[in-house]
Amino acid sequence: MATPSSSSITSLLLAAFLVAAVGIAPHGAEGGASSAVVGLVTGVVPCSAGSSINVASVPAFPNATVQLQCGGRAVAGATADSSGAFAMNLGALTPATLMPLLNNKCSVVVTTPLAACDASLAGVAGTLMAPVQLLGDTGGGLGGLIGGIVGVVGQILSGVLGNIISIVPSAFSVV
């Protein structure tokens, strides 16, 4: 009989813990009905090529189409405004939605070609993308995973921002 790996045991414990945390989320003011915990991805798309792009030091990419992709599958999308800012509402989060986020399997992907914001970037090969992280999560291995879980559970239990979990992109890069 095969012995379960420590990562599969960790994943199972994580799922059970998150189900419990989501189940005991604070109740809303609507007559005691339970409020859903919602995921919100926000950021600014840079109009630049390279790696680890500092959004504050380059022009923004207005009207860029962006997607949140987890495991290669688009789970949400939005169009940036005239200042390059975007927001994607993931709706009610479930453990199935949280697991890829906690395991660093999600990225914001810009589907509009870079040449749309700067014609001089027409020859750039690749896609502009940025991994996402839960606001307050420092990332990095098992410690980052545990920190992410603690952050999510803390946000859920305290009802921060009306049960909204903030998710932000890290630095964008062309890949």
N, C-alpha and C. Protein backbone atom coordinates (compact mmCIF):
# COMPACT_ATOMS: atom_id res chain seq x y z
N MET A 1 0.84 -1.16 0.00
CA MET A 1 0.00 0.00 0.00
C MET A 1 0.89 1.24 0.00
N ALA A 2 0.54 2.23 -0.87
CA ALA A 2 1.33 3.44 -1.00
C ALA A 2 1.08 4.37 0.19
N THR A 3 2.17 5.02 0.62
CA THR A 3 2.07 5.98 1.72
C THR A 3 1.79 7.35 1.13
N PRO A 4 0.81 8.08 1.68
CA PRO A 4 0.52 9.41 1.15
C PRO A 4 1.70 10.34 1.36
N SER A 5 1.96 11.21 0.38
CA SER A 5 3.06 12.16 0.51
C SER A 5 2.67 13.27 1.47
N SER A 6 3.69 13.96 1.99
CA SER A 6 3.42 15.05 2.92
C SER A 6 2.67 16.18 2.24
N SER A 7 2.92 16.40 0.91
CA SER A 7 2.21 17.47 0.22
C SER A 7 0.73 17.13 0.04
N SER A 8 0.40 15.85 -0.17
CA SER A 8 -1.02 15.51 -0.31
C SER A 8 -1.73 15.59 1.05
N ILE A 9 -1.03 15.23 2.11
CA ILE A 9 -1.62 15.36 3.44
C ILE A 9 -1.82 16.84 3.76
N THR A 10 -0.81 17.67 3.44
CA THR A 10 -0.93 19.11 3.67
C THR A 10 -2.10 19.68 2.89
N SER A 11 -2.25 19.28 1.64
CA SER A 11 -3.36 19.78 0.81
C SER A 11 -4.70 19.39 1.40
N LEU A 12 -4.82 18.16 1.88
CA LEU A 12 -6.08 17.71 2.48
C LEU A 12 -6.39 18.49 3.76
N LEU A 13 -5.38 18.68 4.60
CA LEU A 13 -5.58 19.44 5.82
C LEU A 13 -5.94 20.89 5.51
N LEU A 14 -5.27 21.45 4.50
CA LEU A 14 -5.55 22.82 4.07
C LEU A 14 -6.99 22.97 3.61
N ALA A 15 -7.43 22.05 2.78
CA ALA A 15 -8.81 22.10 2.27
C ALA A 15 -9.81 22.01 3.42
N ALA A 16 -9.57 21.10 4.35
CA ALA A 16 -10.48 20.95 5.48
C ALA A 16 -10.49 22.22 6.33
N PHE A 17 -9.32 22.79 6.55
CA PHE A 17 -9.22 24.00 7.35
C PHE A 17 -9.94 25.17 6.67
N LEU A 18 -9.76 25.30 5.35
CA LEU A 18 -10.41 26.39 4.62
C LEU A 18 -11.92 26.22 4.57
N VAL A 19 -12.39 25.00 4.41
CA VAL A 19 -13.83 24.75 4.43
C VAL A 19 -14.39 25.19 5.79
N ALA A 20 -13.69 24.85 6.85
CA ALA A 20 -14.14 25.24 8.18
C ALA A 20 -14.11 26.76 8.34
N ALA A 21 -13.06 27.40 7.84
CA ALA A 21 -12.94 28.86 7.98
C ALA A 21 -14.02 29.57 7.18
N VAL A 22 -14.26 29.14 5.95
CA VAL A 22 -15.31 29.75 5.13
C VAL A 22 -16.67 29.51 5.76
N GLY A 23 -16.86 28.35 6.37
CA GLY A 23 -18.14 28.02 7.00
C GLY A 23 -18.45 28.85 8.22
N ILE A 24 -17.40 29.35 8.91
CA ILE A 24 -17.66 30.16 10.11
C ILE A 24 -17.41 31.63 9.87
N ALA A 25 -17.43 32.05 8.59
CA ALA A 25 -17.25 33.46 8.27
C ALA A 25 -18.32 34.29 8.96
N PRO A 26 -18.03 35.56 9.22
CA PRO A 26 -19.00 36.40 9.93
C PRO A 26 -20.33 36.48 9.19
N HIS A 27 -21.39 36.66 9.95
CA HIS A 27 -22.72 36.78 9.36
C HIS A 27 -22.99 38.22 9.01
N GLY A 28 -23.72 38.41 7.90
CA GLY A 28 -24.05 39.76 7.45
C GLY A 28 -25.19 40.36 8.23
N ALA A 29 -25.48 41.62 7.92
CA ALA A 29 -26.53 42.34 8.61
C ALA A 29 -27.91 42.02 8.03
N GLU A 30 -27.96 41.26 6.95
CA GLU A 30 -29.23 40.97 6.29
C GLU A 30 -29.99 39.87 7.02
N GLY A 31 -30.46 40.15 8.19
CA GLY A 31 -31.29 39.20 8.91
C GLY A 31 -30.57 37.93 9.30
N GLY A 32 -29.28 38.00 9.54
CA GLY A 32 -28.54 36.83 9.99
C GLY A 32 -28.09 35.93 8.86
N ALA A 33 -28.33 36.29 7.61
CA ALA A 33 -27.89 35.46 6.50
C ALA A 33 -26.37 35.53 6.41
N SER A 34 -25.75 34.43 6.02
CA SER A 34 -24.31 34.37 5.92
C SER A 34 -23.83 35.18 4.72
N SER A 35 -22.77 35.98 4.91
CA SER A 35 -22.18 36.75 3.82
C SER A 35 -21.12 35.90 3.15
N ALA A 36 -21.12 35.94 1.83
CA ALA A 36 -20.10 35.21 1.09
C ALA A 36 -18.78 35.95 1.19
N VAL A 37 -17.69 35.20 1.22
CA VAL A 37 -16.35 35.76 1.19
C VAL A 37 -15.99 35.90 -0.29
N VAL A 38 -15.70 37.12 -0.71
CA VAL A 38 -15.48 37.44 -2.12
C VAL A 38 -14.00 37.73 -2.36
N GLY A 39 -13.49 37.27 -3.51
CA GLY A 39 -12.12 37.58 -3.92
C GLY A 39 -12.11 38.73 -4.89
N LEU A 40 -11.20 39.69 -4.71
CA LEU A 40 -11.09 40.84 -5.58
C LEU A 40 -9.63 41.01 -6.00
N VAL A 41 -9.37 40.90 -7.31
CA VAL A 41 -8.02 41.07 -7.86
C VAL A 41 -7.94 42.48 -8.42
N THR A 42 -6.99 43.28 -7.94
CA THR A 42 -6.82 44.65 -8.43
C THR A 42 -5.35 44.91 -8.74
N GLY A 43 -5.11 45.80 -9.69
CA GLY A 43 -3.75 46.16 -10.04
C GLY A 43 -3.71 47.18 -11.16
N VAL A 44 -2.51 47.47 -11.64
CA VAL A 44 -2.28 48.39 -12.74
C VAL A 44 -1.38 47.67 -13.75
N VAL A 45 -1.76 47.72 -15.03
CA VAL A 45 -0.99 47.06 -16.09
C VAL A 45 0.06 48.04 -16.62
N PRO A 46 1.35 47.62 -16.65
CA PRO A 46 2.39 48.50 -17.19
C PRO A 46 2.50 48.37 -18.71
N CYS A 47 2.86 49.45 -19.36
CA CYS A 47 3.14 49.43 -20.80
C CYS A 47 4.65 49.38 -20.96
N SER A 48 5.19 48.18 -20.82
CA SER A 48 6.63 47.99 -20.85
C SER A 48 6.94 46.52 -21.09
N ALA A 49 8.15 46.26 -21.56
CA ALA A 49 8.64 44.89 -21.72
C ALA A 49 9.79 44.69 -20.75
N GLY A 50 10.07 43.44 -20.43
CA GLY A 50 11.16 43.14 -19.52
C GLY A 50 10.71 42.20 -18.43
N SER A 51 11.48 42.17 -17.35
CA SER A 51 11.11 41.31 -16.22
C SER A 51 11.06 42.15 -14.95
N SER A 52 10.23 41.75 -14.03
CA SER A 52 10.03 42.45 -12.76
C SER A 52 9.83 43.95 -12.99
N ILE A 53 8.85 44.29 -13.82
CA ILE A 53 8.59 45.68 -14.19
C ILE A 53 8.01 46.43 -13.01
N ASN A 54 8.59 47.58 -12.69
CA ASN A 54 8.11 48.44 -11.63
C ASN A 54 7.01 49.32 -12.23
N VAL A 55 5.76 49.03 -11.89
CA VAL A 55 4.61 49.73 -12.47
C VAL A 55 4.68 51.23 -12.21
N ALA A 56 5.26 51.64 -11.10
CA ALA A 56 5.32 53.06 -10.76
C ALA A 56 6.31 53.83 -11.63
N SER A 57 7.23 53.13 -12.30
CA SER A 57 8.27 53.84 -13.06
C SER A 57 8.08 53.77 -14.57
N VAL A 58 6.98 53.20 -15.04
CA VAL A 58 6.72 53.12 -16.48
C VAL A 58 5.29 53.59 -16.76
N PRO A 59 5.01 53.93 -18.03
CA PRO A 59 3.63 54.33 -18.34
C PRO A 59 2.66 53.17 -18.13
N ALA A 60 1.42 53.53 -17.87
CA ALA A 60 0.37 52.51 -17.71
C ALA A 60 -0.10 52.06 -19.08
N PHE A 61 -0.79 50.90 -19.12
CA PHE A 61 -1.33 50.30 -20.34
C PHE A 61 -2.85 50.48 -20.29
N PRO A 62 -3.36 51.59 -20.88
CA PRO A 62 -4.80 51.81 -20.83
C PRO A 62 -5.57 50.80 -21.69
N ASN A 63 -6.76 50.46 -21.24
CA ASN A 63 -7.70 49.61 -21.98
C ASN A 63 -7.16 48.21 -22.29
N ALA A 64 -6.19 47.74 -21.54
CA ALA A 64 -5.65 46.39 -21.73
C ALA A 64 -6.66 45.36 -21.24
N THR A 65 -6.78 44.26 -21.95
CA THR A 65 -7.64 43.16 -21.51
C THR A 65 -6.77 42.23 -20.67
N VAL A 66 -7.25 41.91 -19.46
CA VAL A 66 -6.51 41.04 -18.54
C VAL A 66 -7.39 39.88 -18.11
N GLN A 67 -6.73 38.78 -17.77
CA GLN A 67 -7.42 37.60 -17.26
C GLN A 67 -6.68 37.11 -16.02
N LEU A 68 -7.42 36.54 -15.09
CA LEU A 68 -6.81 35.78 -14.01
C LEU A 68 -6.82 34.34 -14.48
N GLN A 69 -5.63 33.75 -14.61
CA GLN A 69 -5.52 32.37 -15.03
C GLN A 69 -4.95 31.55 -13.89
N CYS A 70 -5.63 30.44 -13.60
CA CYS A 70 -5.18 29.51 -12.56
C CYS A 70 -5.02 28.15 -13.20
N GLY A 71 -3.80 27.62 -13.15
CA GLY A 71 -3.54 26.33 -13.78
C GLY A 71 -3.79 26.36 -15.28
N GLY A 72 -3.56 27.51 -15.92
CA GLY A 72 -3.73 27.63 -17.37
C GLY A 72 -5.17 27.88 -17.80
N ARG A 73 -6.09 27.99 -16.85
CA ARG A 73 -7.51 28.19 -17.16
C ARG A 73 -7.93 29.59 -16.72
N ALA A 74 -8.60 30.33 -17.63
CA ALA A 74 -9.09 31.67 -17.29
C ALA A 74 -10.26 31.54 -16.32
N VAL A 75 -10.16 32.22 -15.18
CA VAL A 75 -11.23 32.16 -14.17
C VAL A 75 -11.93 33.50 -14.00
N ALA A 76 -11.34 34.59 -14.52
CA ALA A 76 -11.96 35.91 -14.45
C ALA A 76 -11.28 36.80 -15.48
N GLY A 77 -11.95 37.88 -15.84
CA GLY A 77 -11.38 38.80 -16.80
C GLY A 77 -11.88 40.21 -16.57
N ALA A 78 -11.15 41.19 -17.13
CA ALA A 78 -11.52 42.59 -17.01
C ALA A 78 -10.78 43.39 -18.08
N THR A 79 -11.20 44.62 -18.25
CA THR A 79 -10.51 45.56 -19.12
C THR A 79 -10.02 46.71 -18.25
N ALA A 80 -8.75 47.05 -18.39
CA ALA A 80 -8.18 48.15 -17.62
C ALA A 80 -8.82 49.46 -18.05
N ASP A 81 -8.85 50.43 -17.14
CA ASP A 81 -9.40 51.74 -17.48
C ASP A 81 -8.32 52.58 -18.17
N SER A 82 -8.60 53.86 -18.35
CA SER A 82 -7.67 54.75 -19.07
C SER A 82 -6.35 54.96 -18.33
N SER A 83 -6.29 54.62 -17.04
CA SER A 83 -5.04 54.74 -16.29
C SER A 83 -4.36 53.38 -16.09
N GLY A 84 -4.86 52.33 -16.76
CA GLY A 84 -4.27 51.00 -16.67
C GLY A 84 -4.74 50.19 -15.48
N ALA A 85 -5.62 50.76 -14.65
CA ALA A 85 -6.10 50.06 -13.45
C ALA A 85 -7.20 49.07 -13.82
N PHE A 86 -7.20 47.93 -13.13
CA PHE A 86 -8.23 46.93 -13.36
C PHE A 86 -8.68 46.34 -12.04
N ALA A 87 -9.87 45.75 -12.07
CA ALA A 87 -10.42 45.03 -10.92
C ALA A 87 -11.20 43.85 -11.45
N MET A 88 -10.95 42.67 -10.89
CA MET A 88 -11.69 41.46 -11.25
C MET A 88 -12.34 40.91 -9.99
N ASN A 89 -13.65 40.80 -10.03
CA ASN A 89 -14.40 40.22 -8.91
C ASN A 89 -14.51 38.72 -9.15
N LEU A 90 -13.94 37.93 -8.26
CA LEU A 90 -13.97 36.47 -8.40
C LEU A 90 -15.25 35.85 -7.86
N GLY A 91 -16.10 36.67 -7.25
CA GLY A 91 -17.31 36.13 -6.66
C GLY A 91 -16.99 35.41 -5.37
N ALA A 92 -17.95 34.62 -4.93
CA ALA A 92 -17.78 33.89 -3.67
C ALA A 92 -16.64 32.89 -3.79
N LEU A 93 -15.71 32.97 -2.85
CA LEU A 93 -14.56 32.06 -2.86
C LEU A 93 -14.92 30.76 -2.16
N THR A 94 -14.40 29.69 -2.71
CA THR A 94 -14.56 28.35 -2.13
C THR A 94 -13.15 27.79 -1.93
N PRO A 95 -13.02 26.72 -1.18
CA PRO A 95 -11.70 26.11 -1.05
C PRO A 95 -11.11 25.73 -2.42
N ALA A 96 -11.94 25.33 -3.37
CA ALA A 96 -11.44 24.98 -4.71
C ALA A 96 -10.86 26.20 -5.41
N THR A 97 -11.37 27.38 -5.12
CA THR A 97 -10.84 28.61 -5.70
C THR A 97 -9.60 29.06 -4.94
N LEU A 98 -9.60 28.92 -3.63
CA LEU A 98 -8.48 29.37 -2.82
C LEU A 98 -7.22 28.52 -2.99
N MET A 99 -7.37 27.23 -3.20
CA MET A 99 -6.19 26.35 -3.27
C MET A 99 -5.19 26.79 -4.34
N PRO A 100 -5.61 27.05 -5.60
CA PRO A 100 -4.62 27.50 -6.58
C PRO A 100 -3.99 28.84 -6.20
N LEU A 101 -4.76 29.72 -5.57
CA LEU A 101 -4.20 31.00 -5.13
C LEU A 101 -3.13 30.79 -4.07
N LEU A 102 -3.42 29.94 -3.10
CA LEU A 102 -2.46 29.67 -2.03
C LEU A 102 -1.24 28.90 -2.50
N ASN A 103 -1.40 28.13 -3.56
CA ASN A 103 -0.30 27.32 -4.09
C ASN A 103 0.43 27.98 -5.24
N ASN A 104 0.25 29.30 -5.39
CA ASN A 104 0.95 30.07 -6.43
C ASN A 104 0.73 29.53 -7.84
N LYS A 105 -0.49 29.13 -8.14
CA LYS A 105 -0.83 28.58 -9.45
C LYS A 105 -1.61 29.59 -10.30
N CYS A 106 -1.74 30.84 -9.85
CA CYS A 106 -2.53 31.84 -10.56
C CYS A 106 -1.68 33.04 -10.98
N SER A 107 -2.03 33.61 -12.14
CA SER A 107 -1.35 34.79 -12.65
C SER A 107 -2.34 35.70 -13.35
N VAL A 108 -2.03 37.00 -13.35
CA VAL A 108 -2.75 37.95 -14.19
C VAL A 108 -2.03 37.93 -15.53
N VAL A 109 -2.79 37.69 -16.60
CA VAL A 109 -2.23 37.60 -17.96
C VAL A 109 -2.86 38.70 -18.80
N VAL A 110 -2.03 39.50 -19.47
CA VAL A 110 -2.50 40.56 -20.35
C VAL A 110 -2.66 39.95 -21.75
N THR A 111 -3.88 39.94 -22.26
CA THR A 111 -4.13 39.32 -23.56
C THR A 111 -4.04 40.32 -24.71
N THR A 112 -4.02 41.61 -24.42
CA THR A 112 -3.86 42.63 -25.46
C THR A 112 -2.37 42.73 -25.79
N PRO A 113 -2.01 42.72 -27.09
CA PRO A 113 -0.58 42.83 -27.46
C PRO A 113 0.03 44.14 -26.96
N LEU A 114 1.30 44.10 -26.56
CA LEU A 114 1.99 45.28 -26.06
C LEU A 114 2.01 46.42 -27.07
N ALA A 115 2.00 46.10 -28.36
CA ALA A 115 2.02 47.14 -29.39
C ALA A 115 0.80 48.05 -29.31
N ALA A 116 -0.27 47.61 -28.66
CA ALA A 116 -1.47 48.44 -28.52
C ALA A 116 -1.23 49.64 -27.62
N CYS A 117 -0.24 49.59 -26.74
CA CYS A 117 0.05 50.74 -25.87
C CYS A 117 1.29 51.50 -26.33
N ASP A 118 2.15 50.85 -27.12
CA ASP A 118 3.37 51.50 -27.62
C ASP A 118 3.82 50.75 -28.87
N ALA A 119 3.73 51.42 -30.01
CA ALA A 119 4.07 50.78 -31.29
C ALA A 119 5.51 50.28 -31.33
N SER A 120 6.41 50.88 -30.53
CA SER A 120 7.80 50.44 -30.53
C SER A 120 7.96 49.06 -29.89
N LEU A 121 6.90 48.56 -29.22
CA LEU A 121 6.96 47.25 -28.57
C LEU A 121 6.38 46.14 -29.47
N ALA A 122 6.11 46.47 -30.75
CA ALA A 122 5.50 45.50 -31.67
C ALA A 122 6.36 44.25 -31.85
N GLY A 123 7.66 44.37 -31.76
CA GLY A 123 8.55 43.23 -31.96
C GLY A 123 8.77 42.37 -30.73
N VAL A 124 8.19 42.75 -29.61
CA VAL A 124 8.38 42.00 -28.36
C VAL A 124 7.62 40.68 -28.44
N ALA A 125 8.35 39.59 -28.26
CA ALA A 125 7.72 38.27 -28.25
C ALA A 125 7.41 37.89 -26.81
N GLY A 126 6.27 37.28 -26.60
CA GLY A 126 5.90 36.84 -25.27
C GLY A 126 4.63 37.52 -24.79
N THR A 127 4.24 37.15 -23.58
CA THR A 127 3.01 37.65 -22.97
C THR A 127 3.34 38.33 -21.66
N LEU A 128 2.71 39.46 -21.42
CA LEU A 128 2.90 40.19 -20.17
C LEU A 128 2.05 39.50 -19.10
N MET A 129 2.70 39.09 -18.01
CA MET A 129 1.97 38.40 -16.94
C MET A 129 2.63 38.64 -15.59
N ALA A 130 1.83 38.42 -14.54
CA ALA A 130 2.33 38.60 -13.17
C ALA A 130 1.66 37.57 -12.27
N PRO A 131 2.45 36.86 -11.46
CA PRO A 131 1.83 35.96 -10.47
C PRO A 131 1.06 36.80 -9.46
N VAL A 132 0.03 36.21 -8.86
CA VAL A 132 -0.74 36.94 -7.86
C VAL A 132 -0.46 36.41 -6.47
N GLN A 133 -0.76 37.25 -5.50
CA GLN A 133 -0.61 36.86 -4.10
C GLN A 133 -1.74 37.50 -3.30
N LEU A 134 -2.06 36.88 -2.20
CA LEU A 134 -3.05 37.45 -1.30
C LEU A 134 -2.40 38.63 -0.61
N LEU A 135 -3.12 39.72 -0.48
CA LEU A 135 -2.57 40.91 0.15
C LEU A 135 -2.12 40.55 1.56
N GLY A 136 -0.87 40.84 1.87
CA GLY A 136 -0.31 40.51 3.17
C GLY A 136 0.50 39.22 3.16
N ASP A 137 0.41 38.42 2.06
CA ASP A 137 1.17 37.18 1.96
C ASP A 137 2.53 37.51 1.39
N THR A 138 3.60 37.05 2.04
CA THR A 138 4.93 37.32 1.55
C THR A 138 5.43 36.26 0.59
N GLY A 139 4.68 35.18 0.40
CA GLY A 139 5.03 34.14 -0.55
C GLY A 139 6.23 33.33 -0.10
N GLY A 140 6.61 32.35 -0.92
CA GLY A 140 7.82 31.60 -0.67
C GLY A 140 7.64 30.31 0.08
N GLY A 141 7.46 29.21 -0.65
CA GLY A 141 7.49 27.86 -0.08
C GLY A 141 6.40 27.60 0.94
N LEU A 142 6.70 26.64 1.82
CA LEU A 142 5.73 26.22 2.83
C LEU A 142 5.41 27.36 3.78
N GLY A 143 6.42 28.17 4.13
CA GLY A 143 6.18 29.32 5.00
C GLY A 143 5.21 30.30 4.36
N GLY A 144 5.37 30.53 3.04
CA GLY A 144 4.45 31.41 2.33
C GLY A 144 3.07 30.82 2.26
N LEU A 145 2.98 29.51 2.07
CA LEU A 145 1.69 28.83 2.02
C LEU A 145 0.98 28.96 3.37
N ILE A 146 1.71 28.71 4.44
CA ILE A 146 1.12 28.83 5.77
C ILE A 146 0.76 30.28 6.05
N GLY A 147 1.63 31.22 5.65
CA GLY A 147 1.32 32.64 5.83
C GLY A 147 0.08 33.03 5.05
N GLY A 148 -0.07 32.50 3.83
CA GLY A 148 -1.25 32.78 3.02
C GLY A 148 -2.50 32.25 3.67
N ILE A 149 -2.43 31.06 4.22
CA ILE A 149 -3.58 30.46 4.89
C ILE A 149 -3.97 31.29 6.11
N VAL A 150 -2.97 31.66 6.90
CA VAL A 150 -3.24 32.47 8.09
C VAL A 150 -3.86 33.80 7.67
N GLY A 151 -3.34 34.41 6.59
CA GLY A 151 -3.88 35.67 6.11
C GLY A 151 -5.32 35.54 5.66
N VAL A 152 -5.62 34.49 4.89
CA VAL A 152 -6.99 34.27 4.41
C VAL A 152 -7.92 34.05 5.58
N VAL A 153 -7.54 33.17 6.49
CA VAL A 153 -8.40 32.87 7.62
C VAL A 153 -8.60 34.12 8.47
N GLY A 154 -7.53 34.88 8.67
CA GLY A 154 -7.66 36.13 9.43
C GLY A 154 -8.62 37.09 8.77
N GLN A 155 -8.51 37.24 7.44
CA GLN A 155 -9.43 38.13 6.72
C GLN A 155 -10.86 37.63 6.82
N ILE A 156 -11.05 36.33 6.68
CA ILE A 156 -12.40 35.77 6.74
C ILE A 156 -13.01 35.98 8.12
N LEU A 157 -12.26 35.63 9.17
CA LEU A 157 -12.79 35.70 10.52
C LEU A 157 -13.04 37.13 10.98
N SER A 158 -12.22 38.06 10.54
CA SER A 158 -12.40 39.43 10.99
C SER A 158 -13.39 40.19 10.11
N GLY A 159 -13.74 39.65 8.95
CA GLY A 159 -14.70 40.32 8.08
C GLY A 159 -14.13 41.60 7.49
N VAL A 160 -12.82 41.63 7.25
CA VAL A 160 -12.16 42.81 6.71
C VAL A 160 -12.83 43.23 5.41
N LEU A 161 -13.10 44.51 5.29
CA LEU A 161 -13.70 45.10 4.09
C LEU A 161 -14.96 44.37 3.65
N GLY A 162 -15.80 44.02 4.59
CA GLY A 162 -17.06 43.38 4.24
C GLY A 162 -16.88 42.02 3.59
N ASN A 163 -15.99 41.21 4.10
CA ASN A 163 -15.73 39.85 3.62
C ASN A 163 -15.10 39.82 2.23
N ILE A 164 -14.22 40.77 1.93
CA ILE A 164 -13.49 40.79 0.66
C ILE A 164 -12.04 40.41 0.94
N ILE A 165 -11.55 39.43 0.20
CA ILE A 165 -10.14 39.04 0.28
C ILE A 165 -9.43 39.70 -0.90
N SER A 166 -8.43 40.53 -0.60
CA SER A 166 -7.71 41.26 -1.64
C SER A 166 -6.58 40.42 -2.21
N ILE A 167 -6.53 40.39 -3.54
CA ILE A 167 -5.52 39.63 -4.27
C ILE A 167 -4.84 40.61 -5.22
N VAL A 168 -3.52 40.65 -5.21
CA VAL A 168 -2.79 41.63 -6.03
C VAL A 168 -1.73 40.92 -6.87
N PRO A 169 -1.43 41.50 -8.06
CA PRO A 169 -0.34 40.92 -8.85
C PRO A 169 1.01 41.34 -8.29
N SER A 170 1.98 40.45 -8.42
CA SER A 170 3.36 40.81 -8.13
C SER A 170 3.87 41.59 -9.34
N ALA A 171 5.16 41.73 -9.50
CA ALA A 171 5.72 42.46 -10.64
C ALA A 171 5.41 41.75 -11.95
N PHE A 172 5.01 42.52 -12.96
CA PHE A 172 4.76 41.98 -14.30
C PHE A 172 6.08 41.70 -15.00
N SER A 173 6.08 40.68 -15.87
CA SER A 173 7.22 40.33 -16.72
C SER A 173 6.70 39.82 -18.04
N VAL A 174 7.51 39.94 -19.09
CA VAL A 174 7.17 39.34 -20.37
C VAL A 174 7.75 37.93 -20.36
N VAL A 175 6.88 36.96 -20.55
CA VAL A 175 7.33 35.55 -20.57
C VAL A 175 6.90 34.88 -21.85
